[in-house]
Amino acid sequence: MEMSRERFEELVGDALDEVPEELLALMSNVVILVEEDPPPGEDLLGLYEGHALTERGWDYAGVLPDRILIYRNPILRICDGDEDVVDEVAVTVVHEIAHHFGIDDARLHELGWG
């Protein structure tokens, strides 16, 4: 599957637009970025790097923003068409945002997001 980076980034933006405003308002000190590929040897569609909201204590201050990385090439490799990409981007964005809120992979799988 091929898709321009610009179009892919639009789909990430569209996925974020679907997240309820109340939830987005609770997100704190986090940026969402599109990268071409995960680190070598990693088989990932997305990655959350940082300190989940549930792990932040009174001493959480002065740190760089958490990062949600959405990996373009791995997503495109597993998709057959534009509709598949739209769906996979949406699922990946929700999955990584959930990590920001302290929801682990096991719970995401239980909820049908894994």
C-alpha atoms as a PDB file:
ATOM      1  CA  MET A   1       0.000   0.000   0.000  1.00  0.00           C
ATOM      2  CA  GLU A   2       1.336   3.429  -0.905  1.00  0.00           C
ATOM      3  CA  MET A   3       0.249   6.771   0.513  1.00  0.00           C
ATOM      4  CA  SER A   4       1.951  10.145   0.741  1.00  0.00           C
ATOM      5  CA  ARG A   5       3.251  11.248   4.104  1.00  0.00           C
ATOM      6  CA  GLU A   6       1.001  14.300   3.864  1.00  0.00           C
ATOM      7  CA  ARG A   7      -2.123  12.152   3.419  1.00  0.00           C
ATOM      8  CA  PHE A   8      -1.037   9.827   6.222  1.00  0.00           C
ATOM      9  CA  GLU A   9      -0.555  12.788   8.578  1.00  0.00           C
ATOM     10  CA  GLU A  10      -4.039  14.005   7.629  1.00  0.00           C
ATOM     11  CA  LEU A  11      -5.432  10.627   8.679  1.00  0.00           C
ATOM     12  CA  VAL A  12      -3.663  10.903  12.036  1.00  0.00           C
ATOM     13  CA  GLY A  13      -5.240  14.340  12.447  1.00  0.00           C
ATOM     14  CA  ASP A  14      -8.633  12.913  11.481  1.00  0.00           C
ATOM     15  CA  ALA A  15      -8.215  10.154  14.083  1.00  0.00           C
ATOM     16  CA  LEU A  16      -7.432  12.777  16.729  1.00  0.00           C
ATOM     17  CA  ASP A  17     -10.536  14.725  15.690  1.00  0.00           C
ATOM     18  CA  GLU A  18     -12.586  11.628  16.553  1.00  0.00           C
ATOM     19  CA  VAL A  19     -11.276  11.505  20.135  1.00  0.00           C
ATOM     20  CA  PRO A  20     -13.804  13.183  22.456  1.00  0.00           C
ATOM     21  CA  GLU A  21     -12.806  16.748  23.352  1.00  0.00           C
ATOM     22  CA  GLU A  22     -13.194  15.966  27.050  1.00  0.00           C
ATOM     23  CA  LEU A  23     -10.524  13.285  26.734  1.00  0.00           C
ATOM     24  CA  LEU A  24      -8.158  15.446  24.683  1.00  0.00           C
ATOM     25  CA  ALA A  25      -8.493  18.186  27.298  1.00  0.00           C
ATOM     26  CA  LEU A  26      -7.171  15.760  29.923  1.00  0.00           C
ATOM     27  CA  MET A  27      -4.050  14.954  27.926  1.00  0.00           C
ATOM     28  CA  SER A  28      -1.083  16.736  29.415  1.00  0.00           C
ATOM     29  CA  ASN A  29       2.453  17.392  28.171  1.00  0.00           C
ATOM     30  CA  VAL A  30       2.281  15.039  25.184  1.00  0.00           C
ATOM     31  CA  VAL A  31       2.995  15.439  21.465  1.00  0.00           C
ATOM     32  CA  ILE A  32       1.836  13.178  18.645  1.00  0.00           C
ATOM     33  CA  LEU A  33       4.288  12.605  15.815  1.00  0.00           C
ATOM     34  CA  VAL A  34       4.415  10.576  12.623  1.00  0.00           C
ATOM     35  CA  GLU A  35       7.657   8.674  12.012  1.00  0.00           C
ATOM     36  CA  GLU A  36       8.487   6.553   8.998  1.00  0.00           C
ATOM     37  CA  ASP A  37       9.654   3.444  10.894  1.00  0.00           C
ATOM     38  CA  PRO A  38      10.113   2.174  14.450  1.00  0.00           C
ATOM     39  CA  PRO A  39      13.613   1.633  15.839  1.00  0.00           C
ATOM     40  CA  PRO A  40      15.538  -1.220  14.167  1.00  0.00           C
ATOM     41  CA  GLY A  41      14.393  -4.621  15.366  1.00  0.00           C
ATOM     42  CA  GLU A  42      11.058  -3.336  16.662  1.00  0.00           C
ATOM     43  CA  ASP A  43       7.777  -4.519  15.133  1.00  0.00           C
ATOM     44  CA  LEU A  44       5.482  -1.635  16.104  1.00  0.00           C
ATOM     45  CA  LEU A  45       2.681   0.421  14.586  1.00  0.00           C
ATOM     46  CA  GLY A  46       2.890   3.053  17.304  1.00  0.00           C
ATOM     47  CA  LEU A  47       4.689   3.794  20.543  1.00  0.00           C
ATOM     48  CA  TYR A  48       4.038   5.802  23.679  1.00  0.00           C
ATOM     49  CA  GLU A  49       7.160   7.184  25.350  1.00  0.00           C
ATOM     50  CA  GLY A  50       6.868   8.996  28.641  1.00  0.00           C
ATOM     51  CA  HIS A  51       5.188   8.973  32.008  1.00  0.00           C
ATOM     52  CA  ALA A  52       1.528   7.975  32.003  1.00  0.00           C
ATOM     53  CA  LEU A  53      -0.800  10.351  33.806  1.00  0.00           C
ATOM     54  CA  THR A  54      -1.362   7.661  36.442  1.00  0.00           C
ATOM     55  CA  GLU A  55       2.393   7.582  37.215  1.00  0.00           C
ATOM     56  CA  ARG A  56       2.896  11.316  37.631  1.00  0.00           C
ATOM     57  CA  GLY A  57       3.358  12.476  41.172  1.00  0.00           C
ATOM     58  CA  TRP A  58       3.987  15.711  42.976  1.00  0.00           C
ATOM     59  CA  ASP A  59       7.558  15.760  41.651  1.00  0.00           C
ATOM     60  CA  TYR A  60       6.544  15.644  37.971  1.00  0.00           C
ATOM     61  CA  ALA A  61       7.797  18.941  36.591  1.00  0.00           C
ATOM     62  CA  GLY A  62      10.265  20.328  34.107  1.00  0.00           C
ATOM     63  CA  VAL A  63      10.275  17.260  31.867  1.00  0.00           C
ATOM     64  CA  LEU A  64      10.157  17.069  28.103  1.00  0.00           C
ATOM     65  CA  PRO A  65       6.753  16.202  26.649  1.00  0.00           C
ATOM     66  CA  ASP A  66       5.722  12.578  26.354  1.00  0.00           C
ATOM     67  CA  ARG A  67       5.646  11.357  22.772  1.00  0.00           C
ATOM     68  CA  ILE A  68       3.120   9.312  20.876  1.00  0.00           C
ATOM     69  CA  LEU A  69       4.750   8.011  17.710  1.00  0.00           C
ATOM     70  CA  ILE A  70       2.671   6.656  14.833  1.00  0.00           C
ATOM     71  CA  TYR A  71       4.790   4.613  12.394  1.00  0.00           C
ATOM     72  CA  ARG A  72       3.755   5.167   8.791  1.00  0.00           C
ATOM     73  CA  ASN A  73       5.528   2.356   6.903  1.00  0.00           C
ATOM     74  CA  PRO A  74       4.481  -0.557   9.158  1.00  0.00           C
ATOM     75  CA  ILE A  75       0.862   0.580   9.027  1.00  0.00           C
ATOM     76  CA  LEU A  76       0.940   0.893   5.247  1.00  0.00           C
ATOM     77  CA  ARG A  77       2.532  -2.573   4.950  1.00  0.00           C
ATOM     78  CA  ILE A  78      -0.349  -4.304   6.738  1.00  0.00           C
ATOM     79  CA  CYS A  79      -3.132  -2.450   4.926  1.00  0.00           C
ATOM     80  CA  ASP A  80      -4.790  -3.291   1.590  1.00  0.00           C
ATOM     81  CA  GLY A  81      -6.427   0.054   0.829  1.00  0.00           C
ATOM     82  CA  ASP A  82      -7.245   3.538   2.034  1.00  0.00           C
ATOM     83  CA  GLU A  83     -10.098   2.337   4.209  1.00  0.00           C
ATOM     84  CA  ASP A  84      -7.795  -0.127   5.998  1.00  0.00           C
ATOM     85  CA  VAL A  85      -5.285   2.671   6.626  1.00  0.00           C
ATOM     86  CA  VAL A  86      -7.993   4.939   8.053  1.00  0.00           C
ATOM     87  CA  ASP A  87      -9.109   2.156  10.433  1.00  0.00           C
ATOM     88  CA  GLU A  88      -5.594   1.117  11.475  1.00  0.00           C
ATOM     89  CA  VAL A  89      -4.468   4.693  12.099  1.00  0.00           C
ATOM     90  CA  ALA A  90      -7.547   5.297  14.262  1.00  0.00           C
ATOM     91  CA  VAL A  91      -6.953   2.141  16.291  1.00  0.00           C
ATOM     92  CA  THR A  92      -3.248   2.909  16.713  1.00  0.00           C
ATOM     93  CA  VAL A  93      -3.896   6.494  17.818  1.00  0.00           C
ATOM     94  CA  VAL A  94      -6.494   5.371  20.385  1.00  0.00           C
ATOM     95  CA  HIS A  95      -4.164   2.591  21.585  1.00  0.00           C
ATOM     96  CA  GLU A  96      -1.275   4.988  22.226  1.00  0.00           C
ATOM     97  CA  ILE A  97      -3.492   7.645  23.829  1.00  0.00           C
ATOM     98  CA  ALA A  98      -4.749   4.928  26.178  1.00  0.00           C
ATOM     99  CA  HIS A  99      -1.152   4.302  27.281  1.00  0.00           C
ATOM    100  CA  HIS A 100      -0.882   8.019  28.117  1.00  0.00           C
ATOM    101  CA  PHE A 101      -3.808   7.479  30.482  1.00  0.00           C
ATOM    102  CA  GLY A 102      -2.120   4.454  32.068  1.00  0.00           C
ATOM    103  CA  ILE A 103      -4.084   1.722  30.309  1.00  0.00           C
ATOM    104  CA  ASP A 104      -1.786  -1.223  29.551  1.00  0.00           C
ATOM    105  CA  ASP A 105      -1.841  -3.631  26.600  1.00  0.00           C
ATOM    106  CA  ALA A 106      -3.604  -6.384  28.553  1.00  0.00           C
ATOM    107  CA  ARG A 107      -6.518  -4.099  29.406  1.00  0.00           C
ATOM    108  CA  LEU A 108      -6.650  -2.739  25.852  1.00  0.00           C
ATOM    109  CA  HIS A 109      -6.927  -6.310  24.563  1.00  0.00           C
ATOM    110  CA  GLU A 110      -9.761  -6.972  27.006  1.00  0.00           C
ATOM    111  CA  LEU A 111     -11.517  -3.877  25.653  1.00  0.00           C
ATOM    112  CA  GLY A 112     -11.038  -5.017  22.052  1.00  0.00           C
ATOM    113  CA  TRP A 113      -8.344  -2.485  21.084  1.00  0.00           C
ATOM    114  CA  GLY A 114      -5.378  -4.799  20.825  1.00  0.00           C
END
